[in-house]
PDB file of all heavy atoms in Angstrom:
ATOM      1  N   THR A   1     149.979 108.433 114.247  1.00  0.00           N
ATOM      2  CA  THR A   1     149.060 109.573 114.297  1.00  0.00           C
ATOM      3  C   THR A   1     148.903 110.080 115.764  1.00  0.00           C
ATOM      4  O   THR A   1     148.718 111.269 115.950  1.00  0.00           O
ATOM      5  CB  THR A   1     147.709 109.279 113.659  1.00  0.00           C
ATOM      6  OG1 THR A   1     147.153 108.074 114.251  1.00  0.00           O
ATOM      7  CG2 THR A   1     147.847 109.045 112.142  1.00  0.00           C
ATOM      8  N   ARG A   2     148.931 109.167 116.705  1.00  0.00           N
ATOM      9  CA  ARG A   2     148.842 109.590 118.090  1.00  0.00           C
ATOM     10  C   ARG A   2     150.055 110.445 118.471  1.00  0.00           C
ATOM     11  O   ARG A   2     149.952 111.421 119.178  1.00  0.00           O
ATOM     12  CB  ARG A   2     148.752 108.393 119.015  1.00  0.00           C
ATOM     13  CG  ARG A   2     147.327 107.831 119.131  1.00  0.00           C
ATOM     14  CD  ARG A   2     147.319 106.773 120.183  1.00  0.00           C
ATOM     15  NE  ARG A   2     145.978 106.221 120.300  1.00  0.00           N
ATOM     16  CZ  ARG A   2     145.663 105.093 120.891  1.00  0.00           C
ATOM     17  NH1 ARG A   2     146.640 104.350 121.430  1.00  0.00           N
ATOM     18  NH2 ARG A   2     144.409 104.715 120.923  1.00  0.00           N
ATOM     19  N   GLY A   3     151.219 110.032 118.044  1.00  0.00           N
ATOM     20  CA  GLY A   3     152.423 110.835 118.293  1.00  0.00           C
ATOM     21  C   GLY A   3     152.379 112.199 117.697  1.00  0.00           C
ATOM     22  O   GLY A   3     152.715 113.198 118.360  1.00  0.00           O
ATOM     23  N   ILE A   4     151.883 112.308 116.454  1.00  0.00           N
ATOM     24  CA  ILE A   4     151.758 113.622 115.823  1.00  0.00           C
ATOM     25  C   ILE A   4     150.746 114.449 116.554  1.00  0.00           C
ATOM     26  O   ILE A   4     150.919 115.612 116.796  1.00  0.00           O
ATOM     27  CB  ILE A   4     151.352 113.426 114.301  1.00  0.00           C
ATOM     28  CG1 ILE A   4     152.452 112.739 113.519  1.00  0.00           C
ATOM     29  CG2 ILE A   4     151.025 114.781 113.712  1.00  0.00           C
ATOM     30  CD1 ILE A   4     153.704 113.520 113.367  1.00  0.00           C
ATOM     31  N   ASP A   5     149.609 113.835 116.945  1.00  0.00           N
ATOM     32  CA  ASP A   5     148.557 114.492 117.676  1.00  0.00           C
ATOM     33  C   ASP A   5     149.099 115.051 118.947  1.00  0.00           C
ATOM     34  O   ASP A   5     148.773 116.198 119.381  1.00  0.00           O
ATOM     35  CB  ASP A   5     147.364 113.599 117.876  1.00  0.00           C
ATOM     36  CG  ASP A   5     146.190 114.276 118.386  1.00  0.00           C
ATOM     37  OD1 ASP A   5     145.781 115.318 117.742  1.00  0.00           O
ATOM     38  OD2 ASP A   5     145.566 113.885 119.391  1.00  0.00           O
ATOM     39  N   GLN A   6     149.894 114.255 119.671  1.00  0.00           N
ATOM     40  CA  GLN A   6     150.477 114.683 120.960  1.00  0.00           C
ATOM     41  C   GLN A   6     151.393 115.899 120.712  1.00  0.00           C
ATOM     42  O   GLN A   6     151.426 116.845 121.567  1.00  0.00           O
ATOM     43  CB  GLN A   6     151.199 113.586 121.672  1.00  0.00           C
ATOM     44  CG  GLN A   6     150.248 112.523 122.207  1.00  0.00           C
ATOM     45  CD  GLN A   6     150.995 111.308 122.722  1.00  0.00           C
ATOM     46  OE1 GLN A   6     152.216 111.169 122.589  1.00  0.00           O
ATOM     47  NE2 GLN A   6     150.296 110.442 123.359  1.00  0.00           N
ATOM     48  N   ALA A   7     152.153 115.845 119.631  1.00  0.00           N
ATOM     49  CA  ALA A   7     153.031 116.914 119.312  1.00  0.00           C
ATOM     50  C   ALA A   7     152.261 118.211 119.060  1.00  0.00           C
ATOM     51  O   ALA A   7     152.649 119.337 119.514  1.00  0.00           O
ATOM     52  CB  ALA A   7     153.917 116.587 118.097  1.00  0.00           C
ATOM     53  N   VAL A   8     151.156 118.133 118.322  1.00  0.00           N
ATOM     54  CA  VAL A   8     150.340 119.287 118.023  1.00  0.00           C
ATOM     55  C   VAL A   8     149.805 119.899 119.301  1.00  0.00           C
ATOM     56  O   VAL A   8     149.863 121.133 119.477  1.00  0.00           O
ATOM     57  CB  VAL A   8     149.159 118.879 117.059  1.00  0.00           C
ATOM     58  CG1 VAL A   8     148.108 120.015 116.977  1.00  0.00           C
ATOM     59  CG2 VAL A   8     149.707 118.611 115.647  1.00  0.00           C
ATOM     60  N   HIS A   9     149.340 119.028 120.190  1.00  0.00           N
ATOM     61  CA  HIS A   9     148.746 119.561 121.467  1.00  0.00           C
ATOM     62  C   HIS A   9     149.877 120.216 122.291  1.00  0.00           C
ATOM     63  O   HIS A   9     149.632 121.249 122.910  1.00  0.00           O
ATOM     64  CB  HIS A   9     148.107 118.440 122.237  1.00  0.00           C
ATOM     65  CG  HIS A   9     146.747 118.057 121.616  1.00  0.00           C
ATOM     66  ND1 HIS A   9     145.669 118.879 121.619  1.00  0.00           N
ATOM     67  CD2 HIS A   9     146.404 116.938 120.941  1.00  0.00           C
ATOM     68  CE1 HIS A   9     144.699 118.261 121.010  1.00  0.00           C
ATOM     69  NE2 HIS A   9     145.130 117.080 120.548  1.00  0.00           N
ATOM     70  N   GLY A  10     151.060 119.632 122.327  1.00  0.00           N
ATOM     71  CA  GLY A  10     152.173 120.177 123.064  1.00  0.00           C
ATOM     72  C   GLY A  10     152.572 121.562 122.486  1.00  0.00           C
ATOM     73  O   GLY A  10     152.838 122.474 123.266  1.00  0.00           O
ATOM     74  N   LEU A  11     152.683 121.639 121.204  1.00  0.00           N
ATOM     75  CA  LEU A  11     153.007 122.896 120.565  1.00  0.00           C
ATOM     76  C   LEU A  11     151.963 123.959 120.809  1.00  0.00           C
ATOM     77  O   LEU A  11     152.265 125.132 120.982  1.00  0.00           O
ATOM     78  CB  LEU A  11     153.264 122.700 119.075  1.00  0.00           C
ATOM     79  CG  LEU A  11     154.531 121.951 118.757  1.00  0.00           C
ATOM     80  CD1 LEU A  11     154.573 121.573 117.246  1.00  0.00           C
ATOM     81  CD2 LEU A  11     155.799 122.691 119.100  1.00  0.00           C
ATOM     82  N   GLU A  12     150.716 123.593 120.794  1.00  0.00           N
ATOM     83  CA  GLU A  12     149.621 124.519 121.066  1.00  0.00           C
ATOM     84  C   GLU A  12     149.670 125.050 122.469  1.00  0.00           C
ATOM     85  O   GLU A  12     149.523 126.215 122.722  1.00  0.00           O
ATOM     86  CB  GLU A  12     148.278 123.889 120.783  1.00  0.00           C
ATOM     87  CG  GLU A  12     147.786 124.078 119.367  1.00  0.00           C
ATOM     88  CD  GLU A  12     147.624 125.534 118.986  1.00  0.00           C
ATOM     89  OE1 GLU A  12     146.756 126.228 119.513  1.00  0.00           O
ATOM     90  OE2 GLU A  12     148.388 125.995 118.105  1.00  0.00           O
ATOM     91  N   THR A  13     149.997 124.141 123.379  1.00  0.00           N
ATOM     92  CA  THR A  13     150.177 124.531 124.815  1.00  0.00           C
ATOM     93  C   THR A  13     151.335 125.561 124.945  1.00  0.00           C
ATOM     94  O   THR A  13     151.172 126.583 125.625  1.00  0.00           O
ATOM     95  CB  THR A  13     150.431 123.323 125.673  1.00  0.00           C
ATOM     96  OG1 THR A  13     149.330 122.428 125.581  1.00  0.00           O
ATOM     97  CG2 THR A  13     150.637 123.727 127.156  1.00  0.00           C
ATOM     98  N   ALA A  14     152.407 125.271 124.275  1.00  0.00           N
ATOM     99  CA  ALA A  14     153.571 126.162 124.311  1.00  0.00           C
ATOM    100  C   ALA A  14     153.209 127.531 123.662  1.00  0.00           C
ATOM    101  O   ALA A  14     153.570 128.553 124.168  1.00  0.00           O
ATOM    102  CB  ALA A  14     154.772 125.561 123.558  1.00  0.00           C
ATOM    103  N   ARG A  15     152.503 127.464 122.553  1.00  0.00           N
ATOM    104  CA  ARG A  15     152.143 128.703 121.864  1.00  0.00           C
ATOM    105  C   ARG A  15     151.240 129.581 122.716  1.00  0.00           C
ATOM    106  O   ARG A  15     151.491 130.826 122.880  1.00  0.00           O
ATOM    107  CB  ARG A  15     151.421 128.398 120.543  1.00  0.00           C
ATOM    108  CG  ARG A  15     151.146 129.642 119.683  1.00  0.00           C
ATOM    109  CD  ARG A  15     150.247 129.292 118.487  1.00  0.00           C
ATOM    110  NE  ARG A  15     148.910 128.951 118.933  1.00  0.00           N
ATOM    111  CZ  ARG A  15     147.917 129.765 119.250  1.00  0.00           C
ATOM    112  NH1 ARG A  15     148.179 131.064 119.221  1.00  0.00           N
ATOM    113  NH2 ARG A  15     146.750 129.338 119.578  1.00  0.00           N
ATOM    114  N   LEU A  16     150.276 128.978 123.389  1.00  0.00           N
ATOM    115  CA  LEU A  16     149.377 129.739 124.241  1.00  0.00           C
ATOM    116  C   LEU A  16     150.127 130.321 125.419  1.00  0.00           C
ATOM    117  O   LEU A  16     149.797 131.452 125.882  1.00  0.00           O
ATOM    118  CB  LEU A  16     148.242 128.835 124.770  1.00  0.00           C
ATOM    119  CG  LEU A  16     147.219 128.454 123.652  1.00  0.00           C
ATOM    120  CD1 LEU A  16     146.239 127.482 124.194  1.00  0.00           C
ATOM    121  CD2 LEU A  16     146.504 129.710 123.138  1.00  0.00           C
ATOM    122  N   ALA A  17     151.095 129.648 125.964  1.00  0.00           N
ATOM    123  CA  ALA A  17     151.910 130.186 127.049  1.00  0.00           C
ATOM    124  C   ALA A  17     152.674 131.431 126.570  1.00  0.00           C
ATOM    125  O   ALA A  17     152.706 132.422 127.278  1.00  0.00           O
ATOM    126  CB  ALA A  17     152.906 129.112 127.561  1.00  0.00           C
ATOM    127  N   ILE A  18     153.241 131.375 125.417  1.00  0.00           N
ATOM    128  CA  ILE A  18     153.981 132.529 124.810  1.00  0.00           C
ATOM    129  C   ILE A  18     153.053 133.670 124.536  1.00  0.00           C
ATOM    130  O   ILE A  18     153.346 134.844 124.798  1.00  0.00           O
ATOM    131  CB  ILE A  18     154.794 132.077 123.597  1.00  0.00           C
ATOM    132  CG1 ILE A  18     155.846 131.041 123.941  1.00  0.00           C
ATOM    133  CG2 ILE A  18     155.426 133.328 122.915  1.00  0.00           C
ATOM    134  CD1 ILE A  18     156.920 131.525 124.877  1.00  0.00           C
ATOM    135  N   VAL A  19     151.827 133.363 124.083  1.00  0.00           N
ATOM    136  CA  VAL A  19     150.791 134.411 123.813  1.00  0.00           C
ATOM    137  C   VAL A  19     150.526 135.150 125.128  1.00  0.00           C
ATOM    138  O   VAL A  19     150.503 136.360 125.179  1.00  0.00           O
ATOM    139  CB  VAL A  19     149.565 133.826 123.202  1.00  0.00           C
ATOM    140  CG1 VAL A  19     148.409 134.824 123.309  1.00  0.00           C
ATOM    141  CG2 VAL A  19     149.748 133.389 121.798  1.00  0.00           C
ATOM    142  N   LYS A  20     150.315 134.441 126.190  1.00  0.00           N
ATOM    143  CA  LYS A  20     150.034 135.036 127.498  1.00  0.00           C
ATOM    144  C   LYS A  20     151.222 135.942 127.935  1.00  0.00           C
ATOM    145  O   LYS A  20     151.007 137.035 128.470  1.00  0.00           O
ATOM    146  CB  LYS A  20     149.737 133.957 128.537  1.00  0.00           C
ATOM    147  CG  LYS A  20     148.411 133.279 128.380  1.00  0.00           C
ATOM    148  CD  LYS A  20     148.246 132.172 129.396  1.00  0.00           C
ATOM    149  CE  LYS A  20     147.048 131.339 129.100  1.00  0.00           C
ATOM    150  NZ  LYS A  20     146.905 130.211 130.067  1.00  0.00           N
ATOM    151  N   VAL A  21     152.422 135.402 127.829  1.00  0.00           N
ATOM    152  CA  VAL A  21     153.611 136.244 128.206  1.00  0.00           C
ATOM    153  C   VAL A  21     153.659 137.491 127.385  1.00  0.00           C
ATOM    154  O   VAL A  21     153.870 138.596 127.900  1.00  0.00           O
ATOM    155  CB  VAL A  21     154.904 135.410 127.959  1.00  0.00           C
ATOM    156  CG1 VAL A  21     156.160 136.306 128.053  1.00  0.00           C
ATOM    157  CG2 VAL A  21     154.964 134.249 128.963  1.00  0.00           C
ATOM    158  N   CYS A  22     153.436 137.378 126.112  1.00  0.00           N
ATOM    159  CA  CYS A  22     153.480 138.532 125.186  1.00  0.00           C
ATOM    160  C   CYS A  22     152.379 139.528 125.580  1.00  0.00           C
ATOM    161  O   CYS A  22     152.649 140.769 125.617  1.00  0.00           O
ATOM    162  CB  CYS A  22     153.255 138.091 123.717  1.00  0.00           C
ATOM    163  SG  CYS A  22     153.610 139.337 122.536  1.00  0.00           S
ATOM    164  N   GLN A  23     151.230 139.075 125.901  1.00  0.00           N
ATOM    165  CA  GLN A  23     150.125 139.978 126.314  1.00  0.00           C
ATOM    166  C   GLN A  23     150.478 140.723 127.623  1.00  0.00           C
ATOM    167  O   GLN A  23     150.273 141.914 127.718  1.00  0.00           O
ATOM    168  CB  GLN A  23     148.818 139.201 126.484  1.00  0.00           C
ATOM    169  CG  GLN A  23     148.216 138.792 125.170  1.00  0.00           C
ATOM    170  CD  GLN A  23     147.040 137.844 125.377  1.00  0.00           C
ATOM    171  OE1 GLN A  23     146.805 137.261 126.453  1.00  0.00           O
ATOM    172  NE2 GLN A  23     146.229 137.670 124.351  1.00  0.00           N
ATOM    173  N   ARG A  24     151.021 140.005 128.552  1.00  0.00           N
ATOM    174  CA  ARG A  24     151.469 140.606 129.828  1.00  0.00           C
ATOM    175  C   ARG A  24     152.517 141.695 129.610  1.00  0.00           C
ATOM    176  O   ARG A  24     152.461 142.780 130.180  1.00  0.00           O
ATOM    177  CB  ARG A  24     151.942 139.549 130.816  1.00  0.00           C
ATOM    178  CG  ARG A  24     150.878 138.903 131.523  1.00  0.00           C
ATOM    179  CD  ARG A  24     151.398 138.012 132.689  1.00  0.00           C
ATOM    180  NE  ARG A  24     150.637 136.793 132.713  1.00  0.00           N
ATOM    181  CZ  ARG A  24     151.067 135.569 132.513  1.00  0.00           C
ATOM    182  NH1 ARG A  24     152.361 135.393 132.279  1.00  0.00           N
ATOM    183  NH2 ARG A  24     150.289 134.555 132.513  1.00  0.00           N
ATOM    184  N   ILE A  25     153.481 141.378 128.753  1.00  0.00           N
ATOM    185  CA  ILE A  25     154.536 142.331 128.474  1.00  0.00           C
ATOM    186  C   ILE A  25     153.956 143.580 127.808  1.00  0.00           C
ATOM    187  O   ILE A  25     154.331 144.749 128.202  1.00  0.00           O
ATOM    188  CB  ILE A  25     155.634 141.725 127.614  1.00  0.00           C
ATOM    189  CG1 ILE A  25     156.427 140.697 128.407  1.00  0.00           C
ATOM    190  CG2 ILE A  25     156.587 142.796 127.031  1.00  0.00           C
ATOM    191  CD1 ILE A  25     157.387 139.870 127.575  1.00  0.00           C
ATOM    192  N   GLU A  26     153.089 143.381 126.846  1.00  0.00           N
ATOM    193  CA  GLU A  26     152.472 144.547 126.122  1.00  0.00           C
ATOM    194  C   GLU A  26     151.621 145.354 127.062  1.00  0.00           C
ATOM    195  O   GLU A  26     151.574 146.565 126.999  1.00  0.00           O
ATOM    196  CB  GLU A  26     151.714 144.041 124.942  1.00  0.00           C
ATOM    197  CG  GLU A  26     152.654 143.550 123.824  1.00  0.00           C
ATOM    198  CD  GLU A  26     151.902 142.870 122.686  1.00  0.00           C
ATOM    199  OE1 GLU A  26     150.745 142.485 122.831  1.00  0.00           O
ATOM    200  OE2 GLU A  26     152.539 142.732 121.627  1.00  0.00           O
TER     201      GLU A  26
END
């Protein structure tokens, strides 16, 4: 469960980075 939790947090970090990039482009 710790491994899954770390994966979730990593993916959320990546998603937020892409959201910021998308907002800047727009």
